[in-house]
Amino acid sequence: MLKCRNCGRKLTKFNKEFCPYCGIKNPIEDFTDSSDTTQAIDKIKEEQLVFNEKSYRNYTIFSIFLGLFSVDLFYLGFKTLGLIRLLINFGIWLISFLTIFLINNNLLIISIFVPLGILYLLYLIYGLFKLLKRNHIKDKNGVYLK
């Protein structure tokens, strides 16, 4: 914002020869063509964000009930990340299953379902946390969920 050095009123860059208010010659010393860019940039409002057809509610439901199988990540389009998480979950289940099964061979049903139950409980808590937090999440293309 340019101001006259004599009267202090706002000037445009076209008034560098004389001030239209007080008439002084060369009212702006060391004229540089600059502007305040913070005034020109509007803040992004939530209505202006581009939203996807995929919904946040479906994402949290997938995360709560099918997060064990990485369906929430596949829903967002993160195929490799979903596959990695699926393999990690399978590895944790396999290690837990073998540990319980090797301790006592008679507990086959318990050795199958206890690790799955613990993993499911963790993803249930994780999904409920996402549901309560309700922050903006983007899919693989960088578009927000509606």
N, C-alpha and C. Protein backbone atom coordinates (compact mmCIF):
# COMPACT_ATOMS: atom_id res chain seq x y z
N MET A 1 0.85 -1.17 0.00
CA MET A 1 0.00 0.00 0.00
C MET A 1 0.90 1.24 0.00
N LEU A 2 0.65 2.09 -0.93
CA LEU A 2 1.44 3.30 -1.09
C LEU A 2 0.76 4.47 -0.39
N LYS A 3 1.56 5.30 0.28
CA LYS A 3 1.04 6.48 0.96
C LYS A 3 1.88 7.69 0.59
N CYS A 4 1.22 8.84 0.64
CA CYS A 4 1.92 10.09 0.37
C CYS A 4 2.83 10.42 1.56
N ARG A 5 4.04 10.86 1.30
CA ARG A 5 4.97 11.18 2.39
C ARG A 5 4.62 12.48 3.08
N ASN A 6 3.76 13.30 2.46
CA ASN A 6 3.37 14.58 3.03
C ASN A 6 2.06 14.46 3.82
N CYS A 7 0.98 13.98 3.17
CA CYS A 7 -0.33 13.94 3.84
C CYS A 7 -0.69 12.57 4.38
N GLY A 8 -0.03 11.52 3.92
CA GLY A 8 -0.26 10.18 4.45
C GLY A 8 -1.45 9.45 3.87
N ARG A 9 -2.09 10.00 2.84
CA ARG A 9 -3.25 9.34 2.24
C ARG A 9 -2.79 8.23 1.28
N LYS A 10 -3.71 7.31 1.04
CA LYS A 10 -3.41 6.20 0.14
C LYS A 10 -3.31 6.69 -1.29
N LEU A 11 -2.30 6.17 -1.97
CA LEU A 11 -2.08 6.52 -3.36
C LEU A 11 -2.01 5.25 -4.20
N THR A 12 -2.23 5.41 -5.48
CA THR A 12 -2.04 4.30 -6.40
C THR A 12 -0.68 4.44 -7.05
N LYS A 13 -0.29 3.43 -7.82
CA LYS A 13 1.02 3.52 -8.47
C LYS A 13 1.04 4.55 -9.59
N PHE A 14 -0.13 5.03 -10.00
CA PHE A 14 -0.20 6.04 -11.05
C PHE A 14 -0.01 7.45 -10.50
N ASN A 15 -0.02 7.61 -9.18
CA ASN A 15 0.16 8.92 -8.56
C ASN A 15 1.59 9.15 -8.11
N LYS A 16 2.56 8.59 -8.80
CA LYS A 16 3.95 8.75 -8.35
C LYS A 16 4.56 10.10 -8.75
N GLU A 17 3.92 10.86 -9.65
CA GLU A 17 4.44 12.17 -10.06
C GLU A 17 4.01 13.28 -9.09
N PHE A 18 2.74 13.27 -8.67
CA PHE A 18 2.25 14.26 -7.70
C PHE A 18 1.07 13.67 -6.95
N CYS A 19 0.85 14.17 -5.74
CA CYS A 19 -0.24 13.69 -4.90
C CYS A 19 -1.53 14.42 -5.30
N PRO A 20 -2.63 13.69 -5.59
CA PRO A 20 -3.87 14.36 -5.98
C PRO A 20 -4.56 15.06 -4.80
N TYR A 21 -4.13 14.79 -3.57
CA TYR A 21 -4.77 15.38 -2.39
C TYR A 21 -4.06 16.65 -1.93
N CYS A 22 -2.73 16.59 -1.80
CA CYS A 22 -2.01 17.77 -1.30
C CYS A 22 -1.19 18.46 -2.38
N GLY A 23 -0.98 17.84 -3.55
CA GLY A 23 -0.30 18.47 -4.68
C GLY A 23 1.20 18.44 -4.62
N ILE A 24 1.82 17.75 -3.69
CA ILE A 24 3.28 17.70 -3.59
C ILE A 24 3.85 16.87 -4.74
N LYS A 25 5.02 17.31 -5.24
CA LYS A 25 5.68 16.56 -6.30
C LYS A 25 6.43 15.37 -5.70
N ASN A 26 6.47 14.30 -6.44
CA ASN A 26 7.13 13.06 -6.03
C ASN A 26 6.72 12.65 -4.60
N PRO A 27 5.43 12.34 -4.40
CA PRO A 27 4.97 12.00 -3.05
C PRO A 27 5.50 10.64 -2.54
N ILE A 28 5.93 9.83 -3.48
CA ILE A 28 6.42 8.50 -3.10
C ILE A 28 7.90 8.45 -3.41
N GLU A 29 8.71 8.31 -2.37
CA GLU A 29 10.14 8.18 -2.58
C GLU A 29 10.48 6.71 -2.77
N ASP A 30 11.42 6.46 -3.67
CA ASP A 30 11.88 5.10 -3.97
C ASP A 30 10.69 4.20 -4.28
N PHE A 31 9.97 4.56 -5.33
CA PHE A 31 8.77 3.83 -5.72
C PHE A 31 9.13 2.41 -6.16
N THR A 32 8.49 1.47 -5.56
CA THR A 32 8.60 0.07 -6.00
C THR A 32 7.19 -0.46 -6.18
N ASP A 33 7.00 -1.22 -7.21
CA ASP A 33 5.67 -1.76 -7.50
C ASP A 33 5.47 -3.03 -6.68
N SER A 34 4.85 -2.89 -5.54
CA SER A 34 4.61 -4.04 -4.68
C SER A 34 3.18 -3.98 -4.19
N SER A 35 2.70 -5.10 -3.80
CA SER A 35 1.34 -5.14 -3.25
C SER A 35 1.31 -6.13 -2.10
N ASP A 36 0.34 -5.99 -1.28
CA ASP A 36 0.18 -6.87 -0.13
C ASP A 36 -0.59 -8.11 -0.58
N THR A 37 0.10 -9.22 -0.73
CA THR A 37 -0.54 -10.43 -1.26
C THR A 37 -1.45 -11.09 -0.25
N THR A 38 -1.27 -10.82 1.03
CA THR A 38 -2.15 -11.44 2.01
C THR A 38 -3.57 -10.91 1.91
N GLN A 39 -3.73 -9.69 1.39
CA GLN A 39 -5.07 -9.15 1.20
C GLN A 39 -5.74 -9.77 -0.03
N ALA A 40 -4.95 -10.22 -0.98
CA ALA A 40 -5.50 -10.75 -2.23
C ALA A 40 -5.90 -12.22 -2.11
N ILE A 41 -5.31 -12.94 -1.21
CA ILE A 41 -5.59 -14.37 -1.07
C ILE A 41 -6.72 -14.57 -0.08
N ASP A 42 -7.78 -15.19 -0.53
CA ASP A 42 -8.90 -15.51 0.35
C ASP A 42 -8.62 -16.83 1.05
N LYS A 43 -9.10 -16.95 2.25
CA LYS A 43 -8.96 -18.21 2.96
C LYS A 43 -9.92 -19.22 2.37
N ILE A 44 -9.49 -20.48 2.33
CA ILE A 44 -10.33 -21.53 1.77
C ILE A 44 -11.41 -21.87 2.78
N LYS A 45 -12.63 -21.80 2.33
CA LYS A 45 -13.75 -22.17 3.18
C LYS A 45 -14.14 -23.60 2.89
N GLU A 46 -14.81 -24.23 3.82
CA GLU A 46 -15.18 -25.62 3.66
C GLU A 46 -16.11 -25.82 2.46
N GLU A 47 -16.92 -24.81 2.13
CA GLU A 47 -17.82 -24.93 0.99
C GLU A 47 -17.05 -24.94 -0.32
N GLN A 48 -15.84 -24.37 -0.33
CA GLN A 48 -15.06 -24.28 -1.56
C GLN A 48 -14.23 -25.53 -1.82
N LEU A 49 -14.11 -26.40 -0.84
CA LEU A 49 -13.31 -27.60 -1.03
C LEU A 49 -14.00 -28.54 -2.01
N VAL A 50 -13.20 -29.23 -2.80
CA VAL A 50 -13.76 -30.18 -3.74
C VAL A 50 -13.94 -31.50 -3.01
N PHE A 51 -15.17 -32.00 -3.00
CA PHE A 51 -15.46 -33.23 -2.29
C PHE A 51 -15.69 -34.36 -3.27
N ASN A 52 -15.36 -35.55 -2.84
CA ASN A 52 -15.48 -36.76 -3.61
C ASN A 52 -16.87 -37.34 -3.47
N GLU A 53 -17.22 -38.28 -4.31
CA GLU A 53 -18.49 -38.98 -4.18
C GLU A 53 -18.44 -40.00 -3.05
N LYS A 54 -17.26 -40.38 -2.64
CA LYS A 54 -17.12 -41.33 -1.53
C LYS A 54 -17.43 -40.60 -0.22
N SER A 55 -18.10 -41.28 0.69
CA SER A 55 -18.53 -40.60 1.91
C SER A 55 -17.65 -40.99 3.10
N TYR A 56 -17.54 -40.05 4.00
CA TYR A 56 -16.77 -40.27 5.23
C TYR A 56 -17.45 -41.32 6.10
N ARG A 57 -18.78 -41.36 6.07
CA ARG A 57 -19.52 -42.33 6.88
C ARG A 57 -19.22 -43.75 6.44
N ASN A 58 -19.22 -43.99 5.12
CA ASN A 58 -18.87 -45.33 4.62
C ASN A 58 -17.44 -45.69 4.99
N TYR A 59 -16.56 -44.71 4.89
CA TYR A 59 -15.15 -44.95 5.24
C TYR A 59 -15.01 -45.38 6.70
N THR A 60 -15.72 -44.70 7.61
CA THR A 60 -15.60 -45.08 9.02
C THR A 60 -16.28 -46.42 9.30
N ILE A 61 -17.38 -46.72 8.60
CA ILE A 61 -18.02 -48.02 8.79
C ILE A 61 -17.09 -49.13 8.31
N PHE A 62 -16.46 -48.92 7.16
CA PHE A 62 -15.49 -49.90 6.68
C PHE A 62 -14.32 -50.03 7.64
N SER A 63 -13.90 -48.92 8.22
CA SER A 63 -12.78 -48.95 9.15
C SER A 63 -13.14 -49.69 10.43
N ILE A 64 -14.38 -49.52 10.92
CA ILE A 64 -14.80 -50.19 12.16
C ILE A 64 -14.98 -51.68 11.95
N PHE A 65 -15.75 -52.06 10.93
CA PHE A 65 -16.13 -53.46 10.78
C PHE A 65 -15.19 -54.27 9.89
N LEU A 66 -14.55 -53.64 8.91
CA LEU A 66 -13.70 -54.38 7.98
C LEU A 66 -12.27 -53.85 7.92
N GLY A 67 -11.87 -53.09 8.93
CA GLY A 67 -10.51 -52.57 8.97
C GLY A 67 -9.47 -53.66 9.09
N LEU A 68 -9.86 -54.77 9.65
CA LEU A 68 -8.97 -55.92 9.78
C LEU A 68 -8.52 -56.42 8.41
N PHE A 69 -9.41 -56.27 7.41
CA PHE A 69 -9.10 -56.71 6.06
C PHE A 69 -8.74 -55.56 5.14
N SER A 70 -8.47 -54.39 5.69
CA SER A 70 -8.01 -53.18 4.99
C SER A 70 -8.99 -52.67 3.95
N VAL A 71 -10.27 -52.93 4.13
CA VAL A 71 -11.27 -52.48 3.17
C VAL A 71 -11.34 -50.95 3.14
N ASP A 72 -11.09 -50.29 4.27
CA ASP A 72 -11.14 -48.83 4.30
C ASP A 72 -10.05 -48.21 3.42
N LEU A 73 -8.87 -48.81 3.41
CA LEU A 73 -7.81 -48.29 2.54
C LEU A 73 -8.07 -48.60 1.07
N PHE A 74 -8.63 -49.77 0.79
CA PHE A 74 -9.00 -50.08 -0.58
C PHE A 74 -10.11 -49.15 -1.06
N TYR A 75 -11.01 -48.76 -0.17
CA TYR A 75 -12.10 -47.84 -0.50
C TYR A 75 -11.55 -46.47 -0.91
N LEU A 76 -10.48 -46.03 -0.26
CA LEU A 76 -9.88 -44.75 -0.60
C LEU A 76 -8.98 -44.83 -1.84
N GLY A 77 -8.65 -46.05 -2.26
CA GLY A 77 -7.83 -46.22 -3.45
C GLY A 77 -6.37 -46.51 -3.16
N PHE A 78 -6.01 -46.66 -1.91
CA PHE A 78 -4.63 -46.98 -1.54
C PHE A 78 -4.44 -48.50 -1.58
N LYS A 79 -4.24 -49.04 -2.77
CA LYS A 79 -4.18 -50.49 -2.94
C LYS A 79 -2.92 -51.09 -2.33
N THR A 80 -1.77 -50.49 -2.57
CA THR A 80 -0.53 -51.07 -2.05
C THR A 80 -0.48 -50.95 -0.53
N LEU A 81 -0.91 -49.82 0.01
CA LEU A 81 -0.95 -49.64 1.46
C LEU A 81 -1.93 -50.61 2.11
N GLY A 82 -3.08 -50.82 1.46
CA GLY A 82 -4.06 -51.78 1.97
C GLY A 82 -3.52 -53.19 1.94
N LEU A 83 -2.79 -53.53 0.89
CA LEU A 83 -2.20 -54.87 0.79
C LEU A 83 -1.12 -55.07 1.86
N ILE A 84 -0.33 -54.03 2.09
CA ILE A 84 0.71 -54.12 3.13
C ILE A 84 0.07 -54.31 4.50
N ARG A 85 -0.98 -53.53 4.79
CA ARG A 85 -1.65 -53.67 6.09
C ARG A 85 -2.33 -55.02 6.22
N LEU A 86 -2.89 -55.53 5.14
CA LEU A 86 -3.50 -56.85 5.16
C LEU A 86 -2.48 -57.93 5.45
N LEU A 87 -1.31 -57.84 4.84
CA LEU A 87 -0.25 -58.82 5.09
C LEU A 87 0.28 -58.72 6.52
N ILE A 88 0.39 -57.50 7.04
CA ILE A 88 0.84 -57.34 8.43
C ILE A 88 -0.18 -57.94 9.39
N ASN A 89 -1.47 -57.68 9.14
CA ASN A 89 -2.51 -58.26 10.00
C ASN A 89 -2.50 -59.79 9.93
N PHE A 90 -2.31 -60.33 8.73
CA PHE A 90 -2.25 -61.78 8.59
C PHE A 90 -1.02 -62.34 9.31
N GLY A 91 0.11 -61.63 9.23
CA GLY A 91 1.32 -62.06 9.93
C GLY A 91 1.14 -62.04 11.45
N ILE A 92 0.51 -60.99 11.97
CA ILE A 92 0.25 -60.92 13.42
C ILE A 92 -0.68 -62.05 13.83
N TRP A 93 -1.72 -62.30 13.03
CA TRP A 93 -2.65 -63.39 13.35
C TRP A 93 -1.93 -64.74 13.30
N LEU A 94 -1.08 -64.96 12.30
CA LEU A 94 -0.38 -66.24 12.16
C LEU A 94 0.58 -66.48 13.33
N ILE A 95 1.30 -65.45 13.72
CA ILE A 95 2.22 -65.59 14.85
C ILE A 95 1.45 -65.88 16.14
N SER A 96 0.35 -65.16 16.35
CA SER A 96 -0.46 -65.40 17.55
C SER A 96 -1.08 -66.79 17.52
N PHE A 97 -1.59 -67.21 16.36
CA PHE A 97 -2.19 -68.53 16.22
C PHE A 97 -1.15 -69.62 16.53
N LEU A 98 0.03 -69.51 15.94
CA LEU A 98 1.06 -70.53 16.17
C LEU A 98 1.51 -70.55 17.62
N THR A 99 1.59 -69.38 18.24
CA THR A 99 2.01 -69.32 19.65
C THR A 99 1.00 -70.04 20.54
N ILE A 100 -0.27 -69.73 20.37
CA ILE A 100 -1.29 -70.38 21.20
C ILE A 100 -1.41 -71.85 20.86
N PHE A 101 -1.35 -72.20 19.57
CA PHE A 101 -1.51 -73.59 19.15
C PHE A 101 -0.35 -74.46 19.62
N LEU A 102 0.87 -73.91 19.59
CA LEU A 102 2.02 -74.70 20.01
C LEU A 102 2.07 -74.90 21.52
N ILE A 103 1.48 -73.97 22.27
CA ILE A 103 1.43 -74.13 23.72
C ILE A 103 0.49 -75.26 24.09
N ASN A 104 -0.69 -75.31 23.46
CA ASN A 104 -1.67 -76.34 23.78
C ASN A 104 -2.41 -76.71 22.50
N ASN A 105 -2.19 -77.92 22.02
CA ASN A 105 -2.81 -78.36 20.76
C ASN A 105 -4.32 -78.53 20.87
N ASN A 106 -4.85 -78.65 22.05
CA ASN A 106 -6.28 -78.88 22.23
C ASN A 106 -7.11 -77.62 22.04
N LEU A 107 -6.48 -76.46 22.03
CA LEU A 107 -7.21 -75.19 21.97
C LEU A 107 -7.21 -74.61 20.56
N LEU A 108 -7.61 -75.43 19.57
CA LEU A 108 -7.57 -74.98 18.18
C LEU A 108 -8.54 -73.82 17.93
N ILE A 109 -9.76 -73.91 18.44
CA ILE A 109 -10.76 -72.85 18.22
C ILE A 109 -10.30 -71.56 18.88
N ILE A 110 -9.80 -71.66 20.10
CA ILE A 110 -9.32 -70.46 20.81
C ILE A 110 -8.13 -69.86 20.10
N SER A 111 -7.23 -70.71 19.61
CA SER A 111 -6.03 -70.20 18.94
C SER A 111 -6.35 -69.54 17.61
N ILE A 112 -7.49 -69.86 17.01
CA ILE A 112 -7.89 -69.19 15.77
C ILE A 112 -8.58 -67.87 16.06
N PHE A 113 -9.53 -67.86 16.99
CA PHE A 113 -10.42 -66.71 17.16
C PHE A 113 -9.94 -65.65 18.14
N VAL A 114 -9.10 -65.99 19.09
CA VAL A 114 -8.61 -64.98 20.04
C VAL A 114 -7.74 -63.93 19.34
N PRO A 115 -6.76 -64.32 18.51
CA PRO A 115 -6.00 -63.26 17.82
C PRO A 115 -6.86 -62.42 16.88
N LEU A 116 -7.81 -63.07 16.20
CA LEU A 116 -8.72 -62.30 15.34
C LEU A 116 -9.57 -61.34 16.15
N GLY A 117 -10.02 -61.76 17.32
CA GLY A 117 -10.83 -60.90 18.18
C GLY A 117 -10.04 -59.71 18.69
N ILE A 118 -8.81 -59.94 19.05
CA ILE A 118 -7.97 -58.83 19.53
C ILE A 118 -7.70 -57.83 18.41
N LEU A 119 -7.37 -58.32 17.22
CA LEU A 119 -7.15 -57.42 16.09
C LEU A 119 -8.42 -56.66 15.73
N TYR A 120 -9.56 -57.36 15.76
CA TYR A 120 -10.83 -56.70 15.45
C TYR A 120 -11.14 -55.62 16.49
N LEU A 121 -10.88 -55.90 17.75
CA LEU A 121 -11.12 -54.92 18.80
C LEU A 121 -10.26 -53.68 18.60
N LEU A 122 -9.01 -53.86 18.19
CA LEU A 122 -8.14 -52.72 17.92
C LEU A 122 -8.68 -51.87 16.77
N TYR A 123 -9.14 -52.51 15.70
CA TYR A 123 -9.68 -51.75 14.58
C TYR A 123 -11.03 -51.14 14.91
N LEU A 124 -11.78 -51.75 15.79
CA LEU A 124 -13.04 -51.17 16.25
C LEU A 124 -12.79 -49.86 17.00
N ILE A 125 -11.82 -49.87 17.90
CA ILE A 125 -11.46 -48.66 18.64
C ILE A 125 -10.91 -47.59 17.69
N TYR A 126 -10.08 -48.02 16.76
CA TYR A 126 -9.51 -47.10 15.77
C TYR A 126 -10.61 -46.46 14.92
N GLY A 127 -11.57 -47.24 14.46
CA GLY A 127 -12.67 -46.72 13.65
C GLY A 127 -13.58 -45.80 14.43
N LEU A 128 -13.86 -46.14 15.69
CA LEU A 128 -14.69 -45.26 16.51
C LEU A 128 -14.00 -43.94 16.79
N PHE A 129 -12.68 -43.99 16.95
CA PHE A 129 -11.92 -42.76 17.14
C PHE A 129 -12.03 -41.88 15.89
N LYS A 130 -11.95 -42.48 14.71
CA LYS A 130 -12.10 -41.71 13.46
C LYS A 130 -13.50 -41.12 13.36
N LEU A 131 -14.49 -41.89 13.79
CA LEU A 131 -15.87 -41.42 13.72
C LEU A 131 -16.10 -40.23 14.64
N LEU A 132 -15.50 -40.25 15.82
CA LEU A 132 -15.67 -39.15 16.77
C LEU A 132 -14.83 -37.94 16.41
N LYS A 133 -13.65 -38.17 15.85
CA LYS A 133 -12.76 -37.06 15.54
C LYS A 133 -13.26 -36.26 14.34
N ARG A 134 -13.75 -36.92 13.32
CA ARG A 134 -14.38 -36.31 12.13
C ARG A 134 -13.50 -35.24 11.49
N ASN A 135 -12.32 -35.64 11.04
CA ASN A 135 -11.47 -34.70 10.33
C ASN A 135 -11.55 -34.97 8.83
N HIS A 136 -11.03 -34.06 8.04
CA HIS A 136 -11.09 -34.21 6.60
C HIS A 136 -10.06 -35.23 6.14
N ILE A 137 -10.52 -36.18 5.36
CA ILE A 137 -9.65 -37.23 4.85
C ILE A 137 -9.71 -37.19 3.34
N LYS A 138 -8.55 -37.34 2.70
CA LYS A 138 -8.47 -37.33 1.25
C LYS A 138 -8.29 -38.75 0.73
N ASP A 139 -8.77 -38.98 -0.48
CA ASP A 139 -8.54 -40.27 -1.11
C ASP A 139 -7.22 -40.23 -1.87
N LYS A 140 -6.96 -41.25 -2.67
CA LYS A 140 -5.66 -41.33 -3.36
C LYS A 140 -5.46 -40.17 -4.34
N ASN A 141 -6.54 -39.63 -4.89
CA ASN A 141 -6.45 -38.54 -5.85
C ASN A 141 -6.34 -37.18 -5.18
N GLY A 142 -6.39 -37.13 -3.86
CA GLY A 142 -6.28 -35.86 -3.14
C GLY A 142 -7.59 -35.12 -3.00
N VAL A 143 -8.72 -35.82 -3.19
CA VAL A 143 -10.03 -35.20 -3.10
C VAL A 143 -10.64 -35.58 -1.75
N TYR A 144 -11.24 -34.60 -1.07
CA TYR A 144 -11.81 -34.84 0.24
C TYR A 144 -13.05 -35.73 0.16
N LEU A 145 -13.27 -36.53 1.21
CA LEU A 145 -14.48 -37.32 1.32
C LEU A 145 -15.62 -36.40 1.75
N LYS A 146 -16.82 -36.65 1.25
CA LYS A 146 -17.95 -35.79 1.63
C LYS A 146 -18.63 -36.29 2.88
